[in-house]
Amino acid sequence: MIAVNQLFIYPIKSMQGIALANAKCVDGGFEHDRILMLSEPDGTFITARRYPELLKVKTTIIDNQIEASLPTNESIAINFDEFSQSNEATEVWGNHFTSHIAPIKVNQFFSHFLQKDVQLRWIGKQLNRRTKRYPDVPVSFADGYPYLLLNQASFNYLERHCPEKLDIRQFRGNIVIDGALPFAEDGWKTIKIGEVIFDIVKPCTRCVLITFNVNSAKALHNNEPLTTLAHFRSDSEGDIDFGMNMITRNSGTVSIGDKIEILERQTAKNYLKNLPKKAQKDIQPCTITYKNQKIIGNNQQTILEQLEQQHIALPNSCRAGVCGRCLVVLEKGEVEALTSSAIKKNKQILA
């Protein structure tokens, strides 16, 4: 029998999750899931992609408050009644909406931890965020969809082929199911879990976030497990998928042990298989010029990595060639694309 094996929520985006026995489906996802998020003062979202130390911050729910605990054992209680009443401009992946800002003491707590000026934001009681593809579906601070389904058998398959030790929590799923064949979820379109009907809308395109150890927040070697996934879960556009994004048709409760009923199937997405590893090139120096700043780089690392090493800031987020925030214009020279989607039209490239 295919059934629910684990359930997770992540009250504060990019911080540690909470394992549950039962989860209530409400507007925007599971109750309390990604209802809080750190942002720049201008409302731009902040994640562990750039600040992996966030993965070490524990969250708990106590008397309808969220408590955040740092690795230093410092903690703070977050009371929703203390957030600003005004609607403040907020942005996640180019999606613009409004949210509420935490009181100064909370913002100072997280600013001190990250050593930069940040704000904690609450999505609010009435979710006003929507995405283009599903304008009628409320979304919290999740990247784009309310629910993420993971298949334990698919994870086990990946783990057997990956040289690094993995933890399924790296993939930050909401629902982990067991009892299915590896990647059987690729062919599901609509499923029922308990009393809730879910539509599977697309595979989840993965980024650098899954390369961090969930306990130490340190990056695994050789960009794993993205490197291994690229050999059998990479599509013609260069996207690397693992897990399935979902939306619901109704509210209700999902519990561990609930049976998965497959109501409708679909044709699974095609992936490139057994991609050969590229031979390592000899290290060669090169000159990288960005906004009149010139550095001596090499042909081993990405442009983004080399600029950052010289403390030159370039907008970025996913660090996997997916989001497009590091788009620059190649004025002179040649580059080799790590994915087919990294080179755009009009000499635009992803750094």
Protein backbone atom coordinates (compact mmCIF):
# COMPACT_ATOMS: atom_id res chain seq x y z
CA MET A 1 0.00 0.00 0.00
CA ILE A 2 1.19 3.49 -0.84
CA ALA A 3 0.81 5.67 2.25
CA VAL A 4 2.03 8.80 3.98
CA ASN A 5 5.29 8.13 5.82
CA GLN A 6 6.32 11.59 7.08
CA LEU A 7 4.82 15.09 7.31
CA PHE A 8 6.70 18.38 7.69
CA ILE A 9 6.00 22.07 8.00
CA TYR A 10 8.51 24.93 7.92
CA PRO A 11 7.04 27.85 9.89
CA ILE A 12 9.91 30.18 8.90
CA LYS A 13 11.10 29.87 5.31
CA SER A 14 14.60 28.30 5.02
CA MET A 15 14.78 27.37 8.70
CA GLN A 16 14.39 23.92 10.25
CA GLY A 17 11.12 22.09 9.81
CA ILE A 18 8.79 20.43 12.28
CA ALA A 19 7.74 16.79 11.89
CA LEU A 20 4.02 16.21 12.45
CA ALA A 21 1.67 13.25 12.83
CA ASN A 22 -1.24 15.21 11.35
CA ALA A 23 -1.34 18.34 9.21
CA LYS A 24 -4.29 20.55 8.37
CA CYS A 25 -4.68 21.82 4.79
CA VAL A 26 -5.65 25.50 4.80
CA ASP A 27 -5.30 28.39 2.35
CA GLY A 28 -1.68 28.54 1.22
CA GLY A 29 -0.59 25.06 2.34
CA PHE A 30 -0.38 23.18 5.61
CA GLU A 31 -1.32 25.25 8.64
CA HIS A 32 1.70 27.29 9.85
CA ASP A 33 3.81 26.27 6.85
CA ARG A 34 6.11 29.07 5.63
CA ILE A 35 3.97 31.81 7.10
CA LEU A 36 7.11 33.71 8.18
CA MET A 37 10.13 34.75 6.12
CA LEU A 38 13.24 36.86 6.45
CA SER A 39 13.66 39.68 3.96
CA GLU A 40 15.87 42.58 3.04
CA PRO A 41 14.56 45.93 4.34
CA ASP A 42 13.04 46.54 0.90
CA GLY A 43 10.99 43.33 1.13
CA THR A 44 13.14 41.10 -1.09
CA PHE A 45 13.13 37.54 0.21
CA ILE A 46 16.14 35.97 1.91
CA THR A 47 16.80 32.22 1.92
CA ALA A 48 19.35 29.63 2.96
CA ARG A 49 20.56 29.46 -0.62
CA ARG A 50 22.71 32.47 0.21
CA TYR A 51 22.69 32.20 4.00
CA PRO A 52 22.87 28.45 4.73
CA GLU A 53 23.32 29.12 8.45
CA LEU A 54 19.55 29.64 8.53
CA LEU A 55 19.20 25.87 8.23
CA LYS A 56 20.49 25.55 11.80
CA VAL A 57 17.73 27.71 13.31
CA LYS A 58 15.13 25.54 15.04
CA THR A 59 11.46 26.44 15.09
CA THR A 60 8.71 25.32 17.44
CA ILE A 61 5.04 26.23 17.86
CA ILE A 62 4.05 27.13 21.42
CA ASP A 63 0.58 28.45 22.27
CA ASN A 64 0.05 29.78 18.75
CA GLN A 65 3.41 31.55 18.85
CA ILE A 66 6.48 30.60 16.84
CA GLU A 67 9.72 30.25 18.77
CA ALA A 68 13.02 30.47 16.91
CA SER A 69 16.16 29.05 18.54
CA LEU A 70 19.66 29.82 17.29
CA PRO A 71 22.61 27.37 17.43
CA THR A 72 23.91 29.52 20.31
CA ASN A 73 20.78 28.53 22.30
CA GLU A 74 19.45 32.08 22.13
CA SER A 75 15.75 32.10 21.33
CA ILE A 76 12.89 34.48 20.73
CA ALA A 77 9.12 34.12 20.82
CA ILE A 78 7.33 35.54 17.80
CA ASN A 79 3.86 36.88 18.57
CA PHE A 80 1.65 37.57 15.55
CA ASP A 81 -0.20 40.34 17.41
CA GLU A 82 3.00 42.40 17.46
CA PHE A 83 3.46 42.59 13.69
CA SER A 84 2.74 45.81 11.81
CA GLN A 85 -0.85 46.38 10.79
CA SER A 86 0.17 47.97 7.50
CA ASN A 87 0.64 46.00 4.30
CA GLU A 88 4.27 46.23 3.20
CA ALA A 89 5.62 45.49 -0.29
CA THR A 90 7.22 42.04 -0.47
CA GLU A 91 8.85 39.98 -3.22
CA VAL A 92 9.53 36.26 -3.72
CA TRP A 93 11.00 35.13 -7.06
CA GLY A 94 9.72 38.24 -8.82
CA ASN A 95 6.22 37.70 -7.40
CA HIS A 96 5.07 40.93 -5.70
CA PHE A 97 2.53 41.06 -2.87
CA THR A 98 2.27 42.43 0.68
CA SER A 99 3.04 41.18 4.17
CA HIS A 100 3.49 42.45 7.74
CA ILE A 101 6.78 43.36 9.43
CA ALA A 102 7.86 42.03 12.83
CA PRO A 103 8.64 44.36 15.76
CA ILE A 104 12.12 45.84 16.13
CA LYS A 105 13.27 43.36 18.80
CA VAL A 106 12.57 40.41 16.50
CA ASN A 107 14.28 42.02 13.52
CA GLN A 108 17.31 42.87 15.64
CA PHE A 109 17.49 39.25 16.84
CA PHE A 110 17.79 37.90 13.30
CA SER A 111 19.93 40.82 12.08
CA HIS A 112 22.46 40.07 14.79
CA PHE A 113 22.50 36.39 13.81
CA LEU A 114 23.12 37.08 10.11
CA GLN A 115 25.25 40.17 10.72
CA LYS A 116 23.14 42.16 8.28
CA ASP A 117 20.01 44.26 8.42
CA VAL A 118 16.99 41.99 7.89
CA GLN A 119 13.29 41.93 8.70
CA LEU A 120 11.01 39.06 9.64
CA ARG A 121 7.72 39.12 7.76
CA TRP A 122 4.37 37.46 8.33
CA ILE A 123 2.13 36.55 5.40
CA GLY A 124 -0.92 37.61 7.44
CA LYS A 125 -4.31 36.09 8.18
CA GLN A 126 -5.62 36.78 4.68
CA LEU A 127 -3.16 35.58 2.04
CA ASN A 128 -2.97 38.04 -0.84
CA ARG A 129 -0.15 36.33 -2.70
CA ARG A 130 -0.98 34.60 -5.98
CA THR A 131 1.11 33.24 -8.85
CA LYS A 132 0.55 33.63 -12.59
CA ARG A 133 -0.07 29.96 -13.31
CA TYR A 134 -2.72 29.51 -10.61
CA PRO A 135 -4.19 32.96 -9.85
CA ASP A 136 -6.97 31.48 -7.72
CA VAL A 137 -4.65 29.51 -5.43
CA PRO A 138 -3.35 31.34 -2.32
CA VAL A 139 0.35 30.85 -1.64
CA SER A 140 2.35 31.54 1.52
CA PHE A 141 6.08 32.32 1.41
CA ALA A 142 6.80 29.00 -0.35
CA ASP A 143 8.82 29.37 -3.55
CA GLY A 144 5.82 28.87 -5.79
CA TYR A 145 3.46 26.08 -4.74
CA PRO A 146 1.75 25.19 -1.44
CA TYR A 147 2.79 21.52 -1.20
CA LEU A 148 5.81 19.39 -2.08
CA LEU A 149 5.49 15.61 -2.34
CA LEU A 150 8.51 13.32 -1.97
CA ASN A 151 8.65 9.58 -2.64
CA GLN A 152 10.83 7.63 -0.19
CA ALA A 153 11.66 5.07 -2.89
CA SER A 154 12.87 7.82 -5.24
CA PHE A 155 15.06 9.19 -2.46
CA ASN A 156 16.43 5.71 -1.74
CA TYR A 157 17.30 5.31 -5.43
CA LEU A 158 19.15 8.64 -5.42
CA GLU A 159 20.93 7.78 -2.19
CA ARG A 160 22.25 4.51 -3.64
CA HIS A 161 23.83 6.37 -6.56
CA CYS A 162 25.11 9.43 -4.71
CA PRO A 163 28.62 9.33 -3.20
CA GLU A 164 27.57 11.65 -0.35
CA LYS A 165 25.43 10.73 2.65
CA LEU A 166 21.98 12.25 2.21
CA ASP A 167 19.02 13.12 4.42
CA ILE A 168 15.54 13.38 2.92
CA ARG A 169 15.06 16.58 4.92
CA GLN A 170 17.49 18.28 2.51
CA PHE A 171 14.65 18.33 -0.03
CA ARG A 172 12.26 20.15 2.32
CA GLY A 173 9.15 18.20 1.40
CA ASN A 174 5.79 18.51 3.12
CA ILE A 175 4.54 14.99 2.43
CA VAL A 176 6.80 11.93 2.19
CA ILE A 177 5.13 8.79 0.88
CA ASP A 178 6.28 5.17 0.96
CA GLY A 179 5.23 1.97 -0.78
CA ALA A 180 5.51 3.21 -4.39
CA LEU A 181 8.12 2.36 -6.99
CA PRO A 182 10.94 4.87 -7.53
CA PHE A 183 9.67 7.90 -9.47
CA ALA A 184 6.17 6.46 -9.84
CA GLU A 185 5.01 9.95 -8.83
CA ASP A 186 6.11 11.25 -12.24
CA GLY A 187 3.03 9.62 -13.75
CA TRP A 188 0.47 10.83 -11.22
CA LYS A 189 -1.82 13.75 -12.02
CA THR A 190 -4.42 13.71 -9.24
CA ILE A 191 -4.22 11.88 -5.92
CA LYS A 192 -6.30 11.65 -2.77
CA ILE A 193 -4.75 11.52 0.69
CA GLY A 194 -7.23 10.99 3.47
CA GLU A 195 -10.04 13.41 2.67
CA VAL A 196 -7.94 15.82 0.61
CA ILE A 197 -7.59 15.79 -3.19
CA PHE A 198 -4.27 17.04 -4.57
CA ASP A 199 -3.45 18.04 -8.15
CA ILE A 200 0.18 17.45 -9.10
CA VAL A 201 1.05 20.47 -11.19
CA LYS A 202 4.74 20.03 -12.03
CA PRO A 203 7.99 18.40 -10.97
CA CYS A 204 9.98 20.46 -8.47
CA THR A 205 13.08 21.99 -10.06
CA ARG A 206 15.92 21.79 -7.57
CA CYS A 207 18.63 24.29 -6.71
CA VAL A 208 21.70 24.65 -4.52
CA LEU A 209 19.61 24.47 -1.34
CA ILE A 210 19.57 20.67 -1.44
CA THR A 211 23.38 20.55 -1.38
CA PHE A 212 23.60 21.65 2.27
CA ASN A 213 23.76 19.23 5.19
CA VAL A 214 20.63 19.86 7.27
CA ASN A 215 22.50 19.66 10.59
CA SER A 216 25.79 21.43 9.90
CA ALA A 217 24.56 23.70 7.06
CA LYS A 218 27.82 22.90 5.27
CA ALA A 219 27.81 22.21 1.54
CA LEU A 220 28.34 18.62 0.47
CA HIS A 221 31.26 17.81 -1.82
CA ASN A 222 31.02 18.27 -5.58
CA ASN A 223 27.64 20.00 -5.46
CA GLU A 224 25.91 16.77 -4.46
CA PRO A 225 23.22 15.58 -4.82
CA LEU A 226 22.60 17.96 -7.74
CA THR A 227 25.52 16.42 -9.62
CA THR A 228 24.14 12.90 -9.32
CA LEU A 229 20.57 14.00 -10.07
CA ALA A 230 21.77 15.69 -13.25
CA HIS A 231 22.65 12.28 -14.67
CA PHE A 232 19.08 10.99 -14.66
CA ARG A 233 16.70 13.82 -13.66
CA SER A 234 17.84 16.58 -16.02
CA ASP A 235 15.58 17.72 -18.85
CA SER A 236 16.41 19.27 -22.21
CA GLU A 237 16.26 22.77 -20.70
CA GLY A 238 18.81 21.92 -18.03
CA ASP A 239 16.31 21.80 -15.15
CA ILE A 240 17.02 19.17 -12.49
CA ASP A 241 13.85 17.80 -10.87
CA PHE A 242 13.11 15.89 -7.70
CA GLY A 243 9.73 15.77 -5.98
CA MET A 244 6.35 17.04 -7.16
CA ASN A 245 4.66 20.41 -6.58
CA MET A 246 0.98 20.18 -5.66
CA ILE A 247 -2.14 22.22 -4.98
CA THR A 248 -5.35 21.10 -3.26
CA ARG A 249 -8.98 21.13 -4.30
CA ASN A 250 -10.34 21.16 -0.75
CA SER A 251 -9.39 21.57 2.89
CA GLY A 252 -8.98 18.71 5.35
CA THR A 253 -6.44 16.82 7.40
CA VAL A 254 -3.59 14.60 6.22
CA SER A 255 -2.13 12.05 8.65
CA ILE A 256 0.78 9.64 8.73
CA GLY A 257 -0.50 6.27 7.54
CA ASP A 258 -3.12 7.75 5.20
CA LYS A 259 -3.46 5.75 1.99
CA ILE A 260 -2.58 7.39 -1.33
CA GLU A 261 -5.31 6.91 -3.93
CA ILE A 262 -4.28 7.64 -7.52
CA LEU A 263 -7.32 9.25 -9.14
CA GLU A 264 -5.77 10.24 -12.46
CA ARG A 265 -2.51 9.56 -14.25
CA GLN A 266 -0.49 11.53 -16.78
CA THR A 267 2.43 10.98 -19.13
CA ALA A 268 5.66 11.27 -17.20
CA LYS A 269 8.16 13.94 -18.16
CA ASN A 270 11.13 12.81 -20.22
CA TYR A 271 14.58 13.05 -18.67
CA LEU A 272 18.03 12.67 -20.15
CA LYS A 273 19.58 9.44 -18.90
CA ASN A 274 23.17 8.47 -18.11
CA LEU A 275 24.71 11.78 -19.03
CA PRO A 276 28.49 11.37 -19.29
CA LYS A 277 30.62 13.34 -16.89
CA LYS A 278 32.72 15.98 -18.57
CA ALA A 279 36.45 15.56 -18.35
CA GLN A 280 38.14 17.99 -16.00
CA LYS A 281 39.86 20.75 -17.92
CA ASP A 282 43.34 21.96 -17.13
CA ILE A 283 43.23 25.08 -15.00
CA GLN A 284 43.62 28.16 -17.18
CA PRO A 285 43.57 31.81 -16.07
CA CYS A 286 41.10 34.26 -17.53
CA THR A 287 40.14 37.89 -17.03
CA ILE A 288 36.62 38.69 -15.84
CA THR A 289 35.40 42.27 -16.09
CA TYR A 290 32.11 43.24 -14.47
CA LYS A 291 30.94 46.86 -14.15
CA ASN A 292 34.48 48.16 -14.77
CA GLN A 293 35.90 45.89 -12.06
CA LYS A 294 38.52 43.50 -13.41
CA ILE A 295 39.65 40.29 -11.71
CA ILE A 296 41.86 37.38 -12.70
CA GLY A 297 39.75 34.24 -12.64
CA ASN A 298 39.91 30.69 -13.93
CA ASN A 299 38.02 28.21 -16.10
CA GLN A 300 37.01 25.97 -13.18
CA GLN A 301 34.39 28.02 -11.32
CA THR A 302 31.30 29.95 -12.30
CA ILE A 303 31.51 33.69 -12.93
CA LEU A 304 29.27 34.28 -9.91
CA GLU A 305 31.51 32.31 -7.55
CA GLN A 306 34.63 34.13 -8.68
CA LEU A 307 33.07 37.58 -8.39
CA GLU A 308 31.86 36.79 -4.88
CA GLN A 309 35.33 35.64 -3.85
CA GLN A 310 36.53 39.13 -4.74
CA HIS A 311 33.63 40.71 -2.80
CA ILE A 312 31.89 41.89 -5.96
CA ALA A 313 28.13 41.60 -5.55
CA LEU A 314 26.01 40.18 -8.35
CA PRO A 315 22.26 39.60 -7.87
CA ASN A 316 21.54 35.89 -7.46
CA SER A 317 19.35 33.42 -5.64
CA CYS A 318 19.08 29.79 -6.78
CA ARG A 319 22.74 29.33 -7.79
CA ALA A 320 21.70 26.49 -10.08
CA GLY A 321 20.83 28.23 -13.35
CA VAL A 322 17.10 28.22 -12.68
CA CYS A 323 15.83 31.57 -11.39
CA GLY A 324 17.64 33.91 -13.81
CA ARG A 325 18.55 36.57 -11.23
CA CYS A 326 22.26 36.39 -12.16
CA LEU A 327 21.57 37.27 -15.81
CA VAL A 328 24.35 39.35 -17.39
CA VAL A 329 25.34 40.35 -20.92
CA LEU A 330 28.45 38.73 -22.39
CA GLU A 331 30.16 41.67 -24.08
CA LYS A 332 33.35 39.88 -25.05
CA GLY A 333 34.88 36.42 -24.75
CA GLU A 334 33.54 32.89 -24.54
CA VAL A 335 31.81 30.88 -21.83
CA GLU A 336 30.90 27.23 -21.42
CA ALA A 337 27.36 26.58 -20.20
CA LEU A 338 26.86 24.21 -17.28
CA THR A 339 23.23 23.78 -18.38
CA SER A 340 21.55 24.35 -21.73
CA SER A 341 19.43 27.12 -20.22
CA ALA A 342 22.45 29.18 -19.10
CA ILE A 343 22.96 30.89 -22.47
CA LYS A 344 20.09 33.09 -23.59
CA LYS A 345 19.41 35.24 -26.63
CA ASN A 346 21.22 38.51 -27.38
CA LYS A 347 24.41 37.35 -25.62
CA GLN A 348 22.69 37.12 -22.25
CA ILE A 349 24.12 34.45 -19.96
CA LEU A 350 23.64 33.20 -16.42
CA ALA A 351 26.70 33.90 -14.31
